[in-house]
Amino acid sequence: MPANIKRFMRMKWYPNLYNEVTKALEAIFEHEQQADKYIHSLLKKQKKWGSRDRKFVAKVLFDIVRWKRLCEYLAQAGIQSDEGKERILAVWSLLNDVPTPDYLTFKDITPDGIQNRLNELSDESIRQSVPVWLFEILREQLGENKWIKEINALNQEAEVVIRINTLKTTRKKLQEILKEFTVETEFDHNHPDALFIQNRKKLTTLPAYKQGLFEFQDASSQLVAAFTGVQPGMTVIDACAGAGGKTLHLANLMKNKGKIFAYDIYDSKIKELLRRARRNGVKNIAEAAVINRDIINKNKEKADILLIDAPCSSLGTLRRKPGLKWELTPDKLNKINLIQKDIINDYQKMLKPGGYLIYVTCSILPLENEKVINAFLNQHKNYTFVAGKTIYPSTARGDGFYMAKLKKTNKK
């Protein structure tokens, strides 16, 4: 198995842990529960588990979700049967040097047998553990050599990254505060507002988090706000704001000056955005609401900068959300692509002439990125291409991302 599934600390399979792991695998692969949400909910719900138990269960589940096809190949069984789950957990245990109890012992599953099957494996889609249809799309979109390089990077475990709230603190001050709580951090000059956490700790209980001194935000995602070219005093519309990660970063760069209009299709995300904004001390959000036709018409030609962080396949986030590759289907991808084109065509009405439209996805597929932009430019002659950037996981410390900047001219 790939080197990024590392040998785990020696630990026994306790019956309660085994039961919860098998229930989780059933929920994810038979009842189509979202993997990352289910796992995080499980860990939060099990109040009696110690940190060792939580780390163990999280690793088992994320490893198997990430490497499902490879695990099934090595176990010679599908995950959607009770015996299949047992055989896969036996394989995982051997690979991670965890003693196997009687119920996870199979005569035909041995270290030598696993190694032999790996040596015999020639199907790269199984080795990289992606669905066949997605393998074909990635190869077609990125090229034979590029897709393997990127999916290999996306199969690595994600780093924990936080963004400094520059409205309240500085990098050096925050590093010193976190060090008092034995949280070691690393600074990377390519990500000026980020700190990379070196030792995994529960950060949400720290006073610094509750005081709004930092937010969790992927390193690549943190590059978006600067890419917009935002300045204090501008009018910005964040049209697909979600729970507000980029909105809050924009407010930082604007130094709380100017106006931000934050919209999303989900009321629950808008409420979370406003809660985070209060904790962060963000005061220049002029409106936060569920977007609709009236809002688009009301804001016609209002924005200096229009940020469209479009719905996408989210394939660039597989480090953090490996379950997405099993949840996505060709039909879902096609529907998402149509939505992307509709949104950019519709929302662009809110940008004033001379302003900048920023189109963003957390995908690395040209289908969702350059092709959407090219189609838009062919349809809207009053826009010109200014800059574009693809962040590939193989060369980044964060998610895969695409960003494009377009300028709206006066001509129709």
Protein backbone atom coordinates (compact mmCIF):
# COMPACT_ATOMS: atom_id res chain seq x y z
CA MET A 1 0.00 0.00 0.00
CA PRO A 2 1.24 3.58 -0.66
CA ALA A 3 3.69 4.99 1.84
CA ASN A 4 1.23 7.60 3.08
CA ILE A 5 -0.67 4.94 5.01
CA LYS A 6 1.83 4.78 7.83
CA ARG A 7 2.28 2.24 10.56
CA PHE A 8 0.10 3.27 13.44
CA MET A 9 0.90 3.27 17.13
CA ARG A 10 0.40 -0.19 18.64
CA MET A 11 -3.13 -0.57 19.90
CA LYS A 12 -5.72 -3.29 20.43
CA TRP A 13 -9.06 -3.56 18.71
CA TYR A 14 -11.54 -3.11 21.56
CA PRO A 15 -15.08 -4.41 20.85
CA ASN A 16 -16.70 -0.98 21.24
CA LEU A 17 -14.26 0.59 18.78
CA TYR A 18 -14.73 -2.23 16.30
CA ASN A 19 -18.53 -1.93 16.51
CA GLU A 20 -18.46 1.82 15.89
CA VAL A 21 -16.03 1.48 12.99
CA THR A 22 -18.15 -1.17 11.24
CA LYS A 23 -21.32 0.89 11.82
CA ALA A 24 -19.59 3.92 10.34
CA LEU A 25 -18.45 1.99 7.26
CA GLU A 26 -22.01 0.73 6.78
CA ALA A 27 -23.43 4.25 7.10
CA ILE A 28 -20.92 5.68 4.62
CA PHE A 29 -20.83 2.97 1.95
CA GLU A 30 -24.30 1.45 2.23
CA HIS A 31 -26.48 4.33 3.39
CA GLU A 32 -24.54 7.07 1.53
CA GLN A 33 -23.80 9.24 4.56
CA GLN A 34 -21.20 11.97 3.87
CA ALA A 35 -17.97 10.45 5.13
CA ASP A 36 -16.22 13.45 6.69
CA LYS A 37 -19.40 14.72 8.39
CA TYR A 38 -20.30 11.28 9.74
CA ILE A 39 -16.81 10.66 11.12
CA HIS A 40 -16.57 14.08 12.78
CA SER A 41 -20.06 13.63 14.25
CA LEU A 42 -19.11 10.19 15.60
CA LEU A 43 -15.97 11.51 17.30
CA LYS A 44 -17.92 14.40 18.82
CA LYS A 45 -20.68 12.12 20.07
CA GLN A 46 -18.41 9.62 21.85
CA LYS A 47 -17.77 11.63 25.00
CA LYS A 48 -16.16 8.71 26.88
CA TRP A 49 -13.43 8.08 24.33
CA GLY A 50 -9.97 9.33 25.15
CA SER A 51 -7.76 11.09 22.62
CA ARG A 52 -6.01 7.81 21.79
CA ASP A 53 -9.31 6.12 20.90
CA ARG A 54 -10.41 9.11 18.81
CA LYS A 55 -7.16 9.21 16.84
CA PHE A 56 -7.32 5.46 16.26
CA VAL A 57 -10.92 5.46 15.00
CA ALA A 58 -10.37 8.57 12.87
CA LYS A 59 -7.31 7.03 11.23
CA VAL A 60 -9.01 3.69 10.52
CA LEU A 61 -12.04 5.35 8.95
CA PHE A 62 -10.25 8.02 6.94
CA ASP A 63 -7.69 5.49 5.67
CA ILE A 64 -10.38 3.09 4.49
CA VAL A 65 -12.52 5.85 2.96
CA ARG A 66 -9.46 7.22 1.17
CA TRP A 67 -8.22 3.84 -0.04
CA LYS A 68 -11.51 1.93 -0.48
CA ARG A 69 -10.80 0.37 -3.90
CA LEU A 70 -7.26 -0.60 -2.97
CA CYS A 71 -8.44 -2.07 0.35
CA GLU A 72 -11.11 -4.11 -1.45
CA TYR A 73 -8.52 -5.38 -3.93
CA LEU A 74 -6.11 -6.44 -1.17
CA ALA A 75 -8.92 -7.99 0.91
CA GLN A 76 -10.45 -9.67 -2.16
CA ALA A 77 -13.87 -8.58 -0.94
CA GLY A 78 -16.32 -5.70 -1.30
CA ILE A 79 -16.96 -3.35 1.59
CA GLN A 80 -20.74 -3.69 1.37
CA SER A 81 -20.87 -7.05 3.17
CA ASP A 82 -20.14 -7.95 6.77
CA GLU A 83 -17.35 -10.35 5.79
CA GLY A 84 -15.97 -7.77 3.37
CA LYS A 85 -15.67 -5.19 6.16
CA GLU A 86 -13.95 -7.74 8.40
CA ARG A 87 -11.45 -8.69 5.68
CA ILE A 88 -10.71 -5.04 4.91
CA LEU A 89 -10.16 -4.27 8.61
CA ALA A 90 -7.85 -7.31 8.80
CA VAL A 91 -5.83 -5.90 5.88
CA TRP A 92 -5.72 -2.48 7.50
CA SER A 93 -4.56 -3.99 10.81
CA LEU A 94 -1.70 -5.90 9.20
CA LEU A 95 -0.56 -2.87 7.23
CA ASN A 96 -0.60 -0.71 10.36
CA ASP A 97 0.94 -3.24 12.77
CA VAL A 98 -2.20 -3.44 14.91
CA PRO A 99 -2.73 -6.88 16.51
CA THR A 100 -5.74 -8.62 14.95
CA PRO A 101 -8.33 -10.27 17.22
CA ASP A 102 -9.86 -13.63 16.29
CA TYR A 103 -12.74 -12.05 14.40
CA LEU A 104 -10.28 -10.25 12.11
CA THR A 105 -8.02 -13.25 11.44
CA PHE A 106 -8.18 -14.89 8.02
CA LYS A 107 -5.79 -17.62 6.90
CA ASP A 108 -5.52 -16.17 3.39
CA ILE A 109 -4.77 -12.61 4.56
CA THR A 110 -1.08 -12.44 5.44
CA PRO A 111 1.68 -9.82 5.06
CA ASP A 112 3.26 -11.84 2.24
CA GLY A 113 -0.09 -12.28 0.52
CA ILE A 114 -0.79 -8.54 0.67
CA GLN A 115 2.65 -7.74 -0.71
CA ASN A 116 2.22 -10.25 -3.54
CA ARG A 117 -1.10 -8.69 -4.58
CA LEU A 118 0.49 -5.24 -4.55
CA ASN A 119 3.32 -6.50 -6.75
CA GLU A 120 0.80 -7.95 -9.19
CA LEU A 121 -1.32 -4.78 -9.37
CA SER A 122 -1.16 -3.03 -12.74
CA ASP A 123 -4.42 -1.02 -12.66
CA GLU A 124 -3.45 2.52 -11.66
CA SER A 125 -7.04 3.48 -10.85
CA ILE A 126 -7.08 0.77 -8.16
CA ARG A 127 -3.61 1.66 -6.90
CA GLN A 128 -4.66 5.32 -6.53
CA SER A 129 -8.12 4.24 -5.34
CA VAL A 130 -10.46 6.24 -7.55
CA PRO A 131 -13.69 5.17 -9.30
CA VAL A 132 -13.17 4.05 -12.91
CA TRP A 133 -15.28 6.86 -14.38
CA LEU A 134 -13.36 9.48 -12.38
CA PHE A 135 -10.06 7.93 -13.44
CA GLU A 136 -11.11 8.40 -17.07
CA ILE A 137 -12.17 12.04 -16.50
CA LEU A 138 -8.95 12.91 -14.65
CA ARG A 139 -6.79 11.28 -17.31
CA GLU A 140 -8.70 13.01 -20.13
CA GLN A 141 -8.69 16.42 -18.43
CA LEU A 142 -5.16 16.45 -16.99
CA GLY A 143 -3.19 14.02 -19.15
CA GLU A 144 -1.71 10.60 -18.39
CA ASN A 145 1.24 11.70 -16.24
CA LYS A 146 -0.33 14.78 -14.62
CA TRP A 147 -3.40 13.03 -13.20
CA ILE A 148 -1.32 10.41 -11.37
CA LYS A 149 0.88 13.11 -9.86
CA GLU A 150 -2.14 15.11 -8.66
CA ILE A 151 -4.22 12.22 -7.34
CA ASN A 152 -1.16 10.92 -5.50
CA ALA A 153 -0.85 14.33 -3.81
CA LEU A 154 -4.58 14.38 -3.02
CA ASN A 155 -4.26 10.97 -1.36
CA GLN A 156 -1.98 12.48 1.28
CA GLU A 157 -3.36 13.59 4.65
CA ALA A 158 -4.15 17.30 4.82
CA GLU A 159 -2.24 19.68 7.08
CA VAL A 160 -4.11 21.63 9.73
CA VAL A 161 -3.98 25.31 8.77
CA ILE A 162 -5.30 28.41 10.47
CA ARG A 163 -5.60 31.98 9.24
CA ILE A 164 -4.52 34.86 11.44
CA ASN A 165 -7.22 37.46 12.06
CA THR A 166 -5.17 40.57 11.32
CA LEU A 167 -7.96 42.77 12.68
CA LYS A 168 -7.07 41.52 16.16
CA THR A 169 -3.51 40.20 16.22
CA THR A 170 -0.27 39.56 14.34
CA ARG A 171 1.49 36.38 13.31
CA LYS A 172 4.21 36.66 15.93
CA LYS A 173 1.76 37.44 18.73
CA LEU A 174 -0.49 34.53 17.80
CA GLN A 175 2.43 32.13 17.57
CA GLU A 176 3.52 33.14 21.07
CA ILE A 177 -0.02 32.75 22.44
CA LEU A 178 -0.43 29.31 20.89
CA LYS A 179 2.98 28.19 22.14
CA GLU A 180 1.81 28.85 25.70
CA PHE A 181 -0.76 26.09 25.08
CA THR A 182 1.93 23.79 23.58
CA VAL A 183 0.67 24.35 20.03
CA GLU A 184 3.65 24.46 17.67
CA THR A 185 3.20 26.35 14.41
CA GLU A 186 5.13 26.95 11.19
CA PHE A 187 5.08 30.01 8.94
CA ASP A 188 5.27 29.76 5.14
CA HIS A 189 6.13 32.91 3.14
CA ASN A 190 3.86 31.76 0.31
CA HIS A 191 0.89 32.09 2.68
CA PRO A 192 1.37 35.35 4.61
CA ASP A 193 -1.74 35.03 6.80
CA ALA A 194 -1.43 31.31 7.53
CA LEU A 195 0.05 29.22 10.30
CA PHE A 196 0.56 25.48 9.80
CA ILE A 197 -0.10 23.46 12.94
CA GLN A 198 2.76 21.05 13.67
CA ASN A 199 1.20 19.03 16.49
CA ARG A 200 -2.47 18.13 16.32
CA LYS A 201 -4.41 19.65 19.19
CA LYS A 202 -8.05 20.53 19.79
CA LEU A 203 -7.85 24.24 18.95
CA THR A 204 -11.51 25.23 19.23
CA THR A 205 -11.35 25.15 23.04
CA LEU A 206 -8.47 27.65 23.21
CA PRO A 207 -9.14 31.22 24.39
CA ALA A 208 -7.42 32.51 21.23
CA TYR A 209 -10.05 30.82 19.07
CA LYS A 210 -12.97 31.98 21.20
CA GLN A 211 -11.59 35.53 21.07
CA GLY A 212 -11.49 35.39 17.27
CA LEU A 213 -7.72 35.59 16.86
CA PHE A 214 -7.74 32.92 14.16
CA GLU A 215 -9.98 30.91 11.86
CA PHE A 216 -9.56 27.53 10.22
CA GLN A 217 -8.99 28.00 6.49
CA ASP A 218 -7.16 25.90 3.93
CA ALA A 219 -3.87 27.39 2.76
CA SER A 220 -4.89 27.58 -0.92
CA SER A 221 -8.25 29.08 -0.01
CA GLN A 222 -6.37 31.85 1.78
CA LEU A 223 -4.82 32.94 -1.53
CA VAL A 224 -8.20 33.91 -3.01
CA ALA A 225 -8.79 37.16 -1.12
CA ALA A 226 -5.42 38.60 -2.16
CA PHE A 227 -5.99 37.46 -5.76
CA THR A 228 -9.12 39.64 -5.94
CA GLY A 229 -6.97 42.78 -5.52
CA VAL A 230 -9.37 44.11 -2.88
CA GLN A 231 -8.56 47.43 -1.18
CA PRO A 232 -10.04 49.25 1.84
CA GLY A 233 -13.08 51.31 0.89
CA MET A 234 -14.25 49.10 -1.98
CA THR A 235 -17.71 47.61 -2.44
CA VAL A 236 -17.41 43.83 -2.64
CA ILE A 237 -20.08 41.23 -3.33
CA ASP A 238 -19.24 37.71 -2.18
CA ALA A 239 -22.03 35.97 -4.09
CA CYS A 240 -21.37 32.37 -2.97
CA ALA A 241 -20.13 33.14 0.53
CA GLY A 242 -20.93 29.85 2.24
CA ALA A 243 -20.05 30.04 5.93
CA GLY A 244 -17.81 33.02 5.27
CA GLY A 245 -14.17 31.92 5.28
CA LYS A 246 -13.23 34.11 2.32
CA THR A 247 -15.67 36.85 3.39
CA LEU A 248 -13.85 37.28 6.69
CA HIS A 249 -10.47 37.28 4.98
CA LEU A 250 -11.67 40.00 2.59
CA ALA A 251 -12.71 42.06 5.62
CA ASN A 252 -9.18 41.64 7.02
CA LEU A 253 -7.58 42.92 3.83
CA MET A 254 -10.09 45.77 3.67
CA LYS A 255 -9.24 46.68 7.29
CA ASN A 256 -12.97 46.83 8.05
CA LYS A 257 -13.36 49.72 5.59
CA GLY A 258 -15.74 49.70 2.65
CA LYS A 259 -18.71 47.35 2.28
CA ILE A 260 -19.10 43.61 1.84
CA PHE A 261 -22.37 42.09 0.68
CA ALA A 262 -22.34 38.37 1.47
CA TYR A 263 -24.86 36.01 -0.09
CA ASP A 264 -25.48 32.29 -0.30
CA ILE A 265 -28.35 29.96 -1.15
CA TYR A 266 -28.39 28.45 2.37
CA ASP A 267 -29.74 30.42 5.33
CA SER A 268 -27.86 28.17 7.79
CA LYS A 269 -24.53 29.18 6.23
CA ILE A 270 -25.42 32.87 6.37
CA LYS A 271 -26.19 32.53 10.08
CA GLU A 272 -22.84 30.82 10.65
CA LEU A 273 -21.09 33.57 8.67
CA LEU A 274 -22.62 36.26 10.88
CA ARG A 275 -21.70 34.34 14.05
CA ARG A 276 -18.09 34.06 12.89
CA ALA A 277 -18.04 37.72 11.86
CA ARG A 278 -19.05 38.78 15.37
CA ARG A 279 -16.30 36.65 16.91
CA ASN A 280 -13.77 38.04 14.44
CA GLY A 281 -14.68 41.68 15.00
CA VAL A 282 -15.69 42.15 11.35
CA LYS A 283 -17.83 45.27 11.00
CA ASN A 284 -18.02 46.06 7.30
CA ILE A 285 -20.57 43.44 6.23
CA ALA A 286 -23.36 45.64 4.88
CA GLU A 287 -25.71 42.74 4.18
CA ALA A 288 -25.73 38.98 4.60
CA ALA A 289 -28.71 37.18 3.12
CA VAL A 290 -30.01 34.33 1.02
CA ILE A 291 -29.53 35.31 -2.61
CA ASN A 292 -32.53 35.57 -4.92
CA ARG A 293 -33.68 37.39 -8.04
CA ASP A 294 -34.61 40.55 -6.12
CA ILE A 295 -31.12 40.78 -4.59
CA ILE A 296 -29.47 40.39 -7.99
CA ASN A 297 -31.67 43.14 -9.46
CA LYS A 298 -31.18 45.42 -6.45
CA ASN A 299 -27.41 45.11 -6.71
CA LYS A 300 -27.17 45.66 -10.47
CA GLU A 301 -23.76 47.20 -11.34
CA LYS A 302 -22.96 47.83 -7.66
CA ALA A 303 -19.74 45.91 -6.98
CA ASP A 304 -16.14 46.96 -7.52
CA ILE A 305 -15.28 43.29 -7.01
CA LEU A 306 -17.64 40.38 -7.53
CA LEU A 307 -16.38 37.11 -6.04
CA ILE A 308 -18.04 33.95 -7.34
CA ASP A 309 -16.72 30.96 -5.40
CA ALA A 310 -18.79 28.64 -7.54
CA PRO A 311 -20.28 25.28 -6.54
CA CYS A 312 -18.00 22.58 -7.93
CA SER A 313 -16.97 18.94 -7.73
CA SER A 314 -14.59 19.88 -4.86
CA LEU A 315 -12.07 17.37 -6.22
CA GLY A 316 -9.28 19.67 -5.08
CA THR A 317 -10.26 19.01 -1.46
CA LEU A 318 -9.82 15.22 -1.41
CA ARG A 319 -7.02 15.49 1.14
CA ARG A 320 -9.55 16.70 3.68
CA LYS A 321 -12.66 15.05 2.26
CA PRO A 322 -11.66 11.72 0.68
CA GLY A 323 -15.27 10.50 0.68
CA LEU A 324 -16.14 12.95 -2.09
CA LYS A 325 -14.71 10.68 -4.77
CA TRP A 326 -17.28 8.00 -3.89
CA GLU A 327 -20.15 10.49 -3.53
CA LEU A 328 -19.58 12.23 -6.88
CA THR A 329 -21.12 10.74 -10.04
CA PRO A 330 -20.91 11.66 -13.74
CA ASP A 331 -24.48 12.97 -13.58
CA LYS A 332 -23.70 15.14 -10.54
CA LEU A 333 -20.61 16.54 -12.26
CA ASN A 334 -22.61 17.46 -15.37
CA LYS A 335 -25.29 19.17 -13.28
CA ILE A 336 -22.65 21.11 -11.34
CA ASN A 337 -21.07 22.26 -14.59
CA LEU A 338 -24.41 23.63 -15.84
CA ILE A 339 -24.95 25.44 -12.52
CA GLN A 340 -21.50 27.04 -12.78
CA LYS A 341 -22.32 28.47 -16.20
CA ASP A 342 -25.74 29.71 -15.06
CA ILE A 343 -24.35 31.38 -11.95
CA ILE A 344 -21.56 33.32 -13.64
CA ASN A 345 -23.90 34.46 -16.42
CA ASP A 346 -26.55 35.57 -13.92
CA TYR A 347 -24.47 37.04 -11.10
CA GLN A 348 -22.22 39.12 -13.39
CA LYS A 349 -25.04 41.68 -13.57
CA MET A 350 -24.03 42.85 -10.08
CA LEU A 351 -20.59 44.06 -11.23
CA LYS A 352 -20.10 47.68 -12.26
CA PRO A 353 -18.22 48.61 -15.46
CA GLY A 354 -14.52 48.79 -14.67
CA GLY A 355 -14.94 46.26 -11.88
CA TYR A 356 -13.43 42.78 -11.54
CA LEU A 357 -15.19 39.44 -11.57
CA ILE A 358 -13.31 36.72 -9.69
CA TYR A 359 -14.34 33.17 -10.53
CA VAL A 360 -13.08 30.48 -8.15
CA THR A 361 -13.48 26.73 -7.70
CA CYS A 362 -11.77 24.13 -5.50
CA SER A 363 -11.45 21.84 -8.51
CA ILE A 364 -8.53 21.11 -10.81
CA LEU A 365 -10.65 20.01 -13.79
CA PRO A 366 -10.46 22.37 -16.80
CA LEU A 367 -14.09 21.35 -17.43
CA GLU A 368 -15.11 23.39 -14.38
CA ASN A 369 -12.50 26.10 -14.78
CA GLU A 370 -10.95 27.34 -18.02
CA LYS A 371 -13.79 25.95 -20.12
CA VAL A 372 -16.39 27.81 -18.05
CA ILE A 373 -14.41 31.05 -18.36
CA ASN A 374 -13.88 30.63 -22.12
CA ALA A 375 -17.59 30.00 -22.67
CA PHE A 376 -18.45 33.07 -20.58
CA LEU A 377 -16.02 35.32 -22.48
CA ASN A 378 -17.41 34.13 -25.80
CA GLN A 379 -20.88 35.11 -24.65
CA HIS A 380 -19.99 38.39 -22.90
CA LYS A 381 -17.85 40.60 -25.12
CA ASN A 382 -17.78 43.34 -22.47
CA TYR A 383 -15.41 41.24 -20.34
CA THR A 384 -11.68 40.78 -20.78
CA PHE A 385 -9.44 38.13 -19.24
CA VAL A 386 -6.92 39.60 -16.77
CA ALA A 387 -5.31 36.65 -15.00
CA GLY A 388 -5.78 32.99 -14.21
CA LYS A 389 -4.16 30.58 -11.82
CA THR A 390 -4.46 26.86 -11.10
CA ILE A 391 -3.12 25.67 -7.77
CA TYR A 392 -2.15 22.02 -8.09
CA PRO A 393 -2.03 19.84 -4.95
CA SER A 394 1.29 18.34 -6.03
CA THR A 395 3.01 21.71 -5.60
CA ALA A 396 0.87 23.26 -2.86
CA ARG A 397 0.38 22.85 0.87
CA GLY A 398 -3.36 23.15 0.49
CA ASP A 399 -6.31 22.20 -1.68
CA GLY A 400 -6.39 22.26 -5.45
CA PHE A 401 -7.89 25.56 -6.64
CA TYR A 402 -8.60 27.59 -9.75
CA MET A 403 -8.92 31.39 -9.87
CA ALA A 404 -9.69 33.67 -12.79
CA LYS A 405 -9.92 37.48 -12.84
CA LEU A 406 -12.01 39.21 -15.52
CA LYS A 407 -12.53 42.94 -16.05
CA LYS A 408 -15.88 44.36 -17.08
CA THR A 409 -15.55 47.09 -19.71
CA ASN A 410 -17.99 49.79 -20.71
CA LYS A 411 -18.70 48.32 -24.13
CA LYS A 412 -21.74 46.13 -24.56
